[in-house]
Amino acid sequence: NPIPEDSLPSTVVAVINVRDRDSGENGEVTCKMDGNLPFTLETSSENTFKLIIASALDRENVSAYNITITAMDRGRPALRSSAELVLEVSDVNDN
């Protein structure tokens, strides 16, 4: 579903669940988001992360965001996996 451009900062737009079947440090996972985007990624609970609007959205400037999220475990060597989300911004009458 598109995100309305008038959504307030702090709005959760996605919940991401990651899973690593290893134990110990090899099973501990962190996530990061690539790029300078108006979103933040926060830990919600163990292996669950929230994608949150961090600043105002403006559909006239950007109508969709391609967000790459990388999950990485704490093993040595660290294993990682990436996924891309496409978030569309819907227009709201600005007048």
C-alpha atoms as a PDB file:
ATOM      1  CA  ASN A   1       0.000   0.000   0.000  1.00  0.00           C
ATOM      2  CA  PRO A   2       1.253   3.504  -0.747  1.00  0.00           C
ATOM      3  CA  ILE A   3       2.235   5.788   2.123  1.00  0.00           C
ATOM      4  CA  PRO A   4       0.280   9.081   2.164  1.00  0.00           C
ATOM      5  CA  GLU A   5       2.633  12.029   1.808  1.00  0.00           C
ATOM      6  CA  ASP A   6       1.078  13.677   4.875  1.00  0.00           C
ATOM      7  CA  SER A   7       2.038  10.758   7.170  1.00  0.00           C
ATOM      8  CA  LEU A   8       3.631  12.045  10.334  1.00  0.00           C
ATOM      9  CA  PRO A   9       7.232  11.378  11.288  1.00  0.00           C
ATOM     10  CA  SER A  10       7.398   8.421  13.719  1.00  0.00           C
ATOM     11  CA  THR A  11       4.793   6.500  11.664  1.00  0.00           C
ATOM     12  CA  VAL A  12       5.726   2.832  11.312  1.00  0.00           C
ATOM     13  CA  VAL A  13       5.509   1.829   7.648  1.00  0.00           C
ATOM     14  CA  ALA A  14       6.926  -1.712   7.812  1.00  0.00           C
ATOM     15  CA  VAL A  15       7.864  -4.380  10.317  1.00  0.00           C
ATOM     16  CA  ILE A  16      10.793  -6.552   9.282  1.00  0.00           C
ATOM     17  CA  ASN A  17      11.464  -9.925  10.830  1.00  0.00           C
ATOM     18  CA  VAL A  18      14.887 -11.524  10.321  1.00  0.00           C
ATOM     19  CA  ARG A  19      15.880 -15.022  11.311  1.00  0.00           C
ATOM     20  CA  ASP A  20      19.233 -16.728  11.723  1.00  0.00           C
ATOM     21  CA  ARG A  21      19.088 -20.338  12.838  1.00  0.00           C
ATOM     22  CA  ASP A  22      22.600 -20.292  14.313  1.00  0.00           C
ATOM     23  CA  SER A  23      23.161 -20.037  18.060  1.00  0.00           C
ATOM     24  CA  GLY A  24      25.247 -17.625  20.113  1.00  0.00           C
ATOM     25  CA  GLU A  25      26.849 -14.641  18.350  1.00  0.00           C
ATOM     26  CA  ASN A  26      26.357 -16.336  14.993  1.00  0.00           C
ATOM     27  CA  GLY A  27      22.592 -16.061  15.540  1.00  0.00           C
ATOM     28  CA  GLU A  28      22.539 -12.417  16.644  1.00  0.00           C
ATOM     29  CA  VAL A  29      21.386 -10.244  13.766  1.00  0.00           C
ATOM     30  CA  THR A  30      21.530  -6.504  13.134  1.00  0.00           C
ATOM     31  CA  CYS A  31      19.956  -4.596  10.268  1.00  0.00           C
ATOM     32  CA  LYS A  32      20.975  -1.419   8.490  1.00  0.00           C
ATOM     33  CA  MET A  33      19.464   0.655   5.758  1.00  0.00           C
ATOM     34  CA  ASP A  34      21.525   1.936   2.841  1.00  0.00           C
ATOM     35  CA  GLY A  35      21.321   5.517   1.640  1.00  0.00           C
ATOM     36  CA  ASN A  36      20.242   8.870   2.979  1.00  0.00           C
ATOM     37  CA  LEU A  37      16.472   8.452   3.172  1.00  0.00           C
ATOM     38  CA  PRO A  38      13.670  10.007   5.251  1.00  0.00           C
ATOM     39  CA  PHE A  39      13.297   6.738   7.184  1.00  0.00           C
ATOM     40  CA  THR A  40      14.962   5.133  10.183  1.00  0.00           C
ATOM     41  CA  LEU A  41      15.288   1.503  11.142  1.00  0.00           C
ATOM     42  CA  GLU A  42      14.771   0.701  14.828  1.00  0.00           C
ATOM     43  CA  THR A  43      14.959  -2.534  16.762  1.00  0.00           C
ATOM     44  CA  SER A  44      11.500  -3.545  17.927  1.00  0.00           C
ATOM     45  CA  SER A  45      12.337  -6.823  19.642  1.00  0.00           C
ATOM     46  CA  GLU A  46      14.781  -9.643  19.115  1.00  0.00           C
ATOM     47  CA  ASN A  47      15.121 -10.082  15.335  1.00  0.00           C
ATOM     48  CA  THR A  48      12.286  -7.650  14.582  1.00  0.00           C
ATOM     49  CA  PHE A  49      12.866  -4.162  13.225  1.00  0.00           C
ATOM     50  CA  LYS A  50      10.543  -1.234  12.443  1.00  0.00           C
ATOM     51  CA  LEU A  51      10.909   1.018   9.404  1.00  0.00           C
ATOM     52  CA  ILE A  52       9.768   4.453  10.571  1.00  0.00           C
ATOM     53  CA  ILE A  53       9.224   7.753   8.793  1.00  0.00           C
ATOM     54  CA  ALA A  54      11.929  10.114  10.089  1.00  0.00           C
ATOM     55  CA  SER A  55      11.049  13.317   8.208  1.00  0.00           C
ATOM     56  CA  ALA A  56       8.302  14.752   6.026  1.00  0.00           C
ATOM     57  CA  LEU A  57       7.529  13.111   2.701  1.00  0.00           C
ATOM     58  CA  ASP A  58       6.712  15.084  -0.450  1.00  0.00           C
ATOM     59  CA  ARG A  59       5.301  13.121  -3.379  1.00  0.00           C
ATOM     60  CA  GLU A  60       5.978  16.017  -5.760  1.00  0.00           C
ATOM     61  CA  ASN A  61       9.714  15.587  -5.073  1.00  0.00           C
ATOM     62  CA  VAL A  62       9.927  11.792  -4.652  1.00  0.00           C
ATOM     63  CA  SER A  63       7.061   9.482  -5.592  1.00  0.00           C
ATOM     64  CA  ALA A  64       8.725   6.199  -4.532  1.00  0.00           C
ATOM     65  CA  TYR A  65      11.675   5.063  -2.454  1.00  0.00           C
ATOM     66  CA  ASN A  66      13.862   2.045  -3.146  1.00  0.00           C
ATOM     67  CA  ILE A  67      15.118   0.959   0.252  1.00  0.00           C
ATOM     68  CA  THR A  68      17.827  -1.665   0.643  1.00  0.00           C
ATOM     69  CA  ILE A  69      17.959  -3.321   4.050  1.00  0.00           C
ATOM     70  CA  THR A  70      20.934  -5.485   4.939  1.00  0.00           C
ATOM     71  CA  ALA A  71      20.819  -8.048   7.752  1.00  0.00           C
ATOM     72  CA  MET A  72      24.165  -9.202   9.174  1.00  0.00           C
ATOM     73  CA  ASP A  73      24.985 -11.696  11.901  1.00  0.00           C
ATOM     74  CA  ARG A  74      27.811 -11.334  14.448  1.00  0.00           C
ATOM     75  CA  GLY A  75      29.663 -14.472  13.333  1.00  0.00           C
ATOM     76  CA  ARG A  76      33.219 -14.475  12.049  1.00  0.00           C
ATOM     77  CA  PRO A  77      33.134 -14.125   9.145  1.00  0.00           C
ATOM     78  CA  ALA A  78      29.848 -12.264   9.281  1.00  0.00           C
ATOM     79  CA  LEU A  79      27.131 -13.467   6.949  1.00  0.00           C
ATOM     80  CA  ARG A  80      24.798 -10.947   5.364  1.00  0.00           C
ATOM     81  CA  SER A  81      21.731 -10.817   3.217  1.00  0.00           C
ATOM     82  CA  SER A  82      19.951  -7.870   1.597  1.00  0.00           C
ATOM     83  CA  ALA A  83      16.388  -7.193   0.529  1.00  0.00           C
ATOM     84  CA  GLU A  84      14.923  -4.265  -1.343  1.00  0.00           C
ATOM     85  CA  LEU A  85      11.623  -2.608  -0.495  1.00  0.00           C
ATOM     86  CA  VAL A  86       9.815  -0.232  -2.815  1.00  0.00           C
ATOM     87  CA  LEU A  87       7.652   2.249  -0.921  1.00  0.00           C
ATOM     88  CA  GLU A  88       5.325   4.383  -3.008  1.00  0.00           C
ATOM     89  CA  VAL A  89       4.134   7.745  -1.729  1.00  0.00           C
ATOM     90  CA  SER A  90       0.520   8.678  -2.470  1.00  0.00           C
ATOM     91  CA  ASP A  91      -0.543  12.202  -3.240  1.00  0.00           C
ATOM     92  CA  VAL A  92      -2.556  14.307  -0.829  1.00  0.00           C
ATOM     93  CA  ASN A  93      -4.176  17.540  -1.932  1.00  0.00           C
ATOM     94  CA  ASP A  94      -1.723  20.253  -0.799  1.00  0.00           C
ATOM     95  CA  ASN A  95      -4.123  23.137  -1.464  1.00  0.00           C
END
